[in-house]
N, C-alpha and C. Protein backbone atom coordinates (compact mmCIF):
# COMPACT_ATOMS: atom_id res chain seq x y z
N MET A 1 -18.26 -6.23 20.58
CA MET A 1 -19.33 -6.79 19.62
C MET A 1 -18.76 -6.97 18.46
N PRO A 2 -18.96 -7.63 17.41
CA PRO A 2 -18.38 -8.05 16.02
C PRO A 2 -18.94 -6.84 14.72
N SER A 3 -18.30 -6.63 13.84
CA SER A 3 -18.45 -5.62 12.84
C SER A 3 -18.63 -6.26 11.64
N TYR A 4 -19.90 -6.26 11.12
CA TYR A 4 -20.34 -6.53 10.18
C TYR A 4 -20.64 -5.42 8.97
N SER A 5 -20.28 -5.49 7.45
CA SER A 5 -20.85 -4.45 6.92
C SER A 5 -21.03 -4.61 5.35
N TYR A 6 -21.59 -4.58 4.49
CA TYR A 6 -22.34 -4.62 3.38
C TYR A 6 -22.20 -3.79 2.31
N THR A 7 -21.07 -3.25 1.30
CA THR A 7 -21.63 -2.67 0.65
C THR A 7 -21.88 -2.89 -1.13
N SER A 8 -22.59 -2.00 -1.72
CA SER A 8 -22.89 -2.51 -2.91
C SER A 8 -22.93 -1.25 -4.25
N SER A 9 -22.24 -1.30 -4.86
CA SER A 9 -22.38 0.42 -5.96
C SER A 9 -21.96 -0.36 -7.87
N SER A 10 -22.63 0.35 -8.21
CA SER A 10 -22.62 -0.25 -9.51
C SER A 10 -22.75 1.31 -10.75
N SER A 11 -22.62 0.77 -11.85
CA SER A 11 -22.36 1.97 -12.86
C SER A 11 -22.88 1.43 -14.19
N SER A 12 -22.99 1.60 -15.06
CA SER A 12 -23.26 1.51 -16.21
C SER A 12 -22.87 2.79 -17.11
N PHE A 13 -23.09 2.63 -19.03
CA PHE A 13 -22.42 3.73 -19.83
C PHE A 13 -23.04 2.90 -20.97
N SER A 14 -23.41 3.32 -22.04
CA SER A 14 -23.92 3.24 -23.15
C SER A 14 -23.98 4.73 -23.71
N SER A 15 -23.41 4.38 -25.25
CA SER A 15 -23.14 5.42 -26.18
C SER A 15 -23.71 4.70 -28.02
N ASN A 16 -24.03 5.44 -28.73
CA ASN A 16 -24.16 5.26 -30.09
C ASN A 16 -23.26 5.98 -31.06
N ILE A 17 -22.29 5.76 -31.43
CA ILE A 17 -21.74 6.46 -32.32
C ILE A 17 -21.35 6.31 -33.63
N ASN A 18 -21.84 6.85 -34.62
CA ASN A 18 -21.61 6.65 -36.15
C ASN A 18 -22.72 5.18 -35.92
N GLY A 19 -23.65 4.92 -35.68
CA GLY A 19 -24.29 3.91 -35.71
C GLY A 19 -23.98 2.86 -34.48
N ARG A 20 -22.90 2.84 -33.93
CA ARG A 20 -22.36 1.72 -33.46
C ARG A 20 -22.31 1.69 -31.78
N GLN A 21 -23.32 0.98 -31.49
CA GLN A 21 -23.64 0.98 -30.23
C GLN A 21 -22.55 0.36 -29.25
N THR A 22 -22.33 1.21 -28.31
CA THR A 22 -21.11 0.60 -27.31
C THR A 22 -21.97 0.47 -26.21
N GLY A 23 -21.25 -0.39 -25.04
CA GLY A 23 -21.42 -0.42 -23.70
C GLY A 23 -21.18 -0.94 -22.59
N HIS A 24 -21.20 -0.37 -21.46
CA HIS A 24 -20.05 -0.91 -20.13
C HIS A 24 -20.94 -0.94 -18.85
N SER A 25 -20.73 -2.08 -17.89
CA SER A 25 -21.44 -2.08 -16.77
C SER A 25 -20.69 -2.44 -16.00
N TYR A 26 -20.56 -1.95 -14.55
CA TYR A 26 -19.60 -2.32 -13.50
C TYR A 26 -20.26 -2.26 -12.23
N LYS A 27 -20.07 -3.08 -11.45
CA LYS A 27 -20.79 -3.26 -10.26
C LYS A 27 -19.26 -3.87 -9.11
N GLU A 28 -19.42 -3.62 -8.07
CA GLU A 28 -18.64 -3.93 -7.02
C GLU A 28 -19.46 -3.94 -5.50
N THR A 29 -19.01 -5.23 -4.88
CA THR A 29 -19.73 -5.25 -3.60
C THR A 29 -18.43 -5.69 -2.48
N SER A 30 -18.67 -5.34 -1.56
CA SER A 30 -17.89 -5.48 -0.43
C SER A 30 -18.36 -6.10 0.56
N GLN A 31 -17.88 -7.18 1.27
CA GLN A 31 -18.66 -7.56 2.58
C GLN A 31 -17.42 -7.74 3.63
N THR A 32 -17.89 -7.74 5.08
CA THR A 32 -16.76 -7.97 5.87
C THR A 32 -17.32 -8.12 6.91
N THR A 33 -16.43 -9.12 7.94
CA THR A 33 -16.96 -9.81 8.61
C THR A 33 -15.88 -9.85 9.83
N PRO A 34 -15.60 -10.21 11.01
CA PRO A 34 -14.79 -10.29 11.65
C PRO A 34 -13.17 -10.80 11.50
N GLU A 35 -14.01 -11.94 10.37
CA GLU A 35 -12.57 -12.69 9.95
C GLU A 35 -11.67 -11.93 8.60
N GLY A 36 -12.70 -11.01 7.84
CA GLY A 36 -12.16 -10.20 6.62
C GLY A 36 -13.15 -9.61 6.13
N THR A 37 -12.69 -9.17 4.75
CA THR A 37 -13.44 -9.08 3.82
C THR A 37 -13.27 -9.69 2.47
N THR A 38 -14.58 -9.77 2.15
CA THR A 38 -14.54 -10.24 0.62
C THR A 38 -14.84 -9.08 -0.25
N VAL A 39 -14.24 -8.88 -1.77
CA VAL A 39 -14.53 -7.76 -2.52
C VAL A 39 -14.87 -8.34 -3.87
N ARG A 40 -15.85 -8.14 -4.52
CA ARG A 40 -16.20 -8.85 -5.81
C ARG A 40 -16.13 -7.71 -7.00
N THR A 41 -15.72 -7.62 -7.78
CA THR A 41 -16.21 -6.65 -9.19
C THR A 41 -16.71 -7.53 -10.24
N THR A 42 -17.90 -7.18 -10.97
CA THR A 42 -17.76 -7.63 -12.23
C THR A 42 -18.26 -6.63 -13.06
N SER A 43 -17.73 -6.77 -14.51
CA SER A 43 -17.73 -6.18 -15.36
C SER A 43 -18.30 -6.49 -16.79
N GLN A 44 -18.89 -5.64 -17.44
CA GLN A 44 -19.43 -6.38 -18.67
C GLN A 44 -19.39 -5.34 -19.84
N ASN A 45 -18.87 -5.93 -20.83
CA ASN A 45 -19.35 -5.00 -22.19
C ASN A 45 -20.57 -5.27 -22.71
N LEU A 46 -20.93 -4.47 -23.46
CA LEU A 46 -22.54 -4.72 -24.43
C LEU A 46 -21.76 -5.89 -25.40
N GLY A 47 -22.71 -6.88 -25.23
CA GLY A 47 -22.79 -8.23 -26.37
C GLY A 47 -21.70 -9.17 -25.59
N GLU A 48 -21.16 -9.39 -24.86
CA GLU A 48 -20.09 -10.11 -24.15
C GLU A 48 -20.98 -10.48 -22.75
N ARG A 49 -20.10 -11.47 -22.41
CA ARG A 49 -20.29 -11.95 -21.15
C ARG A 49 -19.54 -11.41 -19.85
N PRO A 50 -20.40 -11.52 -18.71
CA PRO A 50 -19.70 -10.85 -17.40
C PRO A 50 -18.32 -11.32 -17.11
N VAL A 51 -17.33 -10.50 -16.77
CA VAL A 51 -16.48 -11.11 -16.06
C VAL A 51 -16.45 -10.70 -13.98
N THR A 52 -16.30 -11.49 -13.77
CA THR A 52 -16.33 -11.64 -12.55
C THR A 52 -14.81 -11.40 -11.50
N HIS A 53 -14.41 -11.14 -10.77
CA HIS A 53 -13.07 -10.86 -9.73
C HIS A 53 -13.26 -10.87 -8.76
N THR A 54 -12.72 -11.84 -7.73
CA THR A 54 -13.14 -11.61 -6.37
C THR A 54 -11.52 -11.49 -5.42
N GLN A 55 -11.73 -10.66 -4.64
CA GLN A 55 -10.17 -10.64 -3.77
C GLN A 55 -10.74 -10.82 -2.18
N GLN A 56 -9.96 -10.94 -1.87
CA GLN A 56 -9.96 -11.75 -0.14
C GLN A 56 -9.18 -11.36 0.91
N PHE A 57 -9.42 -10.74 1.64
CA PHE A 57 -8.38 -9.86 2.76
C PHE A 57 -8.96 -10.81 3.55
N ASP A 58 -7.74 -10.82 4.87
CA ASP A 58 -8.04 -11.25 6.48
C ASP A 58 -8.45 -9.90 7.45
N SER A 59 -8.23 -10.19 8.20
CA SER A 59 -8.95 -8.97 9.45
C SER A 59 -7.89 -7.97 9.48
N GLN A 60 -6.69 -8.27 9.33
CA GLN A 60 -5.75 -7.26 8.95
C GLN A 60 -5.40 -6.45 7.75
N GLY A 61 -6.48 -6.57 6.54
CA GLY A 61 -6.53 -6.31 5.27
C GLY A 61 -5.35 -6.78 4.50
N ARG A 62 -4.93 -7.72 5.11
CA ARG A 62 -3.77 -8.24 3.97
C ARG A 62 -4.61 -9.26 2.63
N GLU A 63 -4.25 -9.08 1.64
CA GLU A 63 -5.08 -9.86 0.55
C GLU A 63 -4.33 -11.59 0.92
N LEU A 64 -5.34 -12.31 0.78
CA LEU A 64 -5.10 -13.58 0.76
C LEU A 64 -5.08 -14.18 -0.56
N ILE A 65 -4.02 -14.74 -1.30
CA ILE A 65 -3.75 -15.32 -2.63
C ILE A 65 -3.47 -17.09 -2.24
N GLY A 66 -4.09 -17.48 -3.49
CA GLY A 66 -3.66 -19.03 -3.24
C GLY A 66 -4.01 -19.71 -2.32
N ASP A 67 -3.65 -20.05 -1.21
CA ASP A 67 -3.71 -21.19 -0.12
C ASP A 67 -4.42 -20.16 0.90
N ASN A 68 -4.87 -19.19 0.74
CA ASN A 68 -5.54 -18.31 1.72
C ASN A 68 -4.12 -17.97 3.31
N THR A 69 -3.24 -17.98 2.86
CA THR A 69 -2.19 -17.89 4.45
C THR A 69 -2.02 -16.29 4.83
N GLY A 70 -2.38 -15.42 4.01
CA GLY A 70 -2.31 -13.94 4.43
C GLY A 70 -0.67 -13.27 4.17
N GLY A 71 0.15 -14.44 3.45
CA GLY A 71 1.46 -14.04 3.16
C GLY A 71 1.95 -12.69 2.05
N ALA A 72 0.42 -12.02 1.47
CA ALA A 72 0.69 -11.11 0.75
C ALA A 72 0.94 -9.87 1.22
N SER A 73 1.58 -8.87 0.47
CA SER A 73 2.03 -7.81 0.97
C SER A 73 0.68 -6.49 0.55
N ARG A 74 0.11 -7.00 -0.36
CA ARG A 74 -1.13 -6.00 -0.59
C ARG A 74 -2.13 -5.66 0.65
N ARG A 75 -2.51 -4.24 0.79
CA ARG A 75 -3.56 -4.01 1.76
C ARG A 75 -4.83 -3.15 1.11
N ILE A 76 -5.88 -3.15 2.03
CA ILE A 76 -6.72 -2.30 2.20
C ILE A 76 -6.53 -1.31 2.23
N GLU A 77 -6.62 -0.39 1.67
CA GLU A 77 -6.57 1.39 1.89
C GLU A 77 -7.65 1.90 1.79
N ASP A 78 -7.75 3.18 3.02
CA ASP A 78 -9.18 4.00 2.67
C ASP A 78 -8.39 5.13 1.66
N VAL A 79 -9.69 5.08 0.84
CA VAL A 79 -9.43 6.29 0.09
C VAL A 79 -10.82 7.60 0.16
N SER A 80 -10.97 8.38 -0.37
CA SER A 80 -12.02 9.35 -0.37
C SER A 80 -13.15 9.00 -1.38
N SER A 81 -14.37 9.59 -1.27
CA SER A 81 -14.75 9.02 -2.09
C SER A 81 -14.55 9.95 -3.79
N GLU A 82 -13.97 10.96 -3.58
CA GLU A 82 -13.40 11.83 -4.46
C GLU A 82 -12.37 11.10 -5.52
N GLU A 83 -11.18 10.35 -4.40
CA GLU A 83 -10.26 9.66 -5.25
C GLU A 83 -10.60 8.52 -5.92
N ALA A 84 -11.65 8.15 -5.30
CA ALA A 84 -11.89 6.41 -5.86
C ALA A 84 -12.71 6.58 -6.92
N ASP A 85 -13.58 7.70 -7.25
CA ASP A 85 -14.43 8.14 -8.36
C ASP A 85 -13.62 8.42 -9.47
N HIS A 86 -12.28 9.38 -9.00
CA HIS A 86 -11.55 9.96 -10.01
C HIS A 86 -10.60 9.16 -10.61
N GLY A 87 -10.19 8.02 -9.96
CA GLY A 87 -9.57 6.82 -10.22
C GLY A 87 -10.10 5.87 -11.37
N TYR A 88 -11.64 5.58 -10.87
CA TYR A 88 -12.31 5.00 -11.91
C TYR A 88 -12.35 5.71 -12.99
N LYS A 89 -12.88 6.71 -12.81
CA LYS A 89 -12.69 7.68 -14.19
C LYS A 89 -11.54 7.28 -14.83
N GLU A 90 -10.45 7.54 -14.75
CA GLU A 90 -9.32 7.59 -15.37
C GLU A 90 -9.24 6.23 -15.86
N ARG A 91 -9.25 5.10 -15.29
CA ARG A 91 -9.65 3.70 -15.76
C ARG A 91 -10.30 3.62 -16.55
N MET A 92 -11.71 3.85 -16.91
CA MET A 92 -12.45 4.04 -17.84
C MET A 92 -12.35 4.57 -18.72
N GLU A 93 -11.71 5.88 -18.81
CA GLU A 93 -11.36 6.43 -19.61
C GLU A 93 -10.08 5.41 -20.72
N ASP A 94 -9.25 5.11 -20.06
CA ASP A 94 -8.30 4.31 -20.60
C ASP A 94 -8.77 3.16 -21.28
N GLU A 95 -9.73 2.50 -20.81
CA GLU A 95 -10.18 1.24 -20.99
C GLU A 95 -10.88 1.43 -22.78
N TYR A 96 -11.46 2.78 -22.72
CA TYR A 96 -12.48 3.51 -23.60
C TYR A 96 -11.55 3.76 -24.83
N ALA A 97 -10.66 4.09 -24.67
CA ALA A 97 -9.33 4.26 -25.34
C ALA A 97 -8.56 3.56 -26.23
N LYS A 98 -8.32 2.38 -25.53
CA LYS A 98 -7.92 1.19 -25.62
C LYS A 98 -8.97 0.73 -26.70
N ARG A 99 -10.11 0.59 -26.50
CA ARG A 99 -11.04 -0.15 -27.16
C ARG A 99 -11.11 0.70 -28.80
N GLU A 100 -11.35 2.35 -28.58
CA GLU A 100 -11.19 2.70 -29.85
C GLU A 100 -9.90 3.13 -30.52
N GLY A 101 -8.90 2.30 -30.05
CA GLY A 101 -7.77 2.82 -31.00
C GLY A 101 -6.82 3.67 -30.33
N GLY A 102 -7.36 4.67 -29.29
CA GLY A 102 -6.81 5.74 -29.10
C GLY A 102 -5.15 5.67 -28.06
N ALA A 103 -5.08 4.40 -27.41
CA ALA A 103 -4.23 4.54 -26.82
C ALA A 103 -3.23 3.08 -26.82
């Protein structure tokens, strides 16, 4: 029997530092069919337009690039929630440091 799945997660952050309002939201969805997986990430900074990035992978986990031939060497890898959360937190901290002039 074919396997199908759909997952979605989102997070947001906002703060007011010295009267300056900042904020960021992030959403990721993943849809898997027998043919492969589509991952969409959308991020948005307060006051800016959202940016969406889509990645497609074949049924073997190879990223489909350009003409969708599957010739790329990148693959989907399973990571624990803790590893994923840690990686996300590090990326967000780096991003905020850049915006504040700290990196």
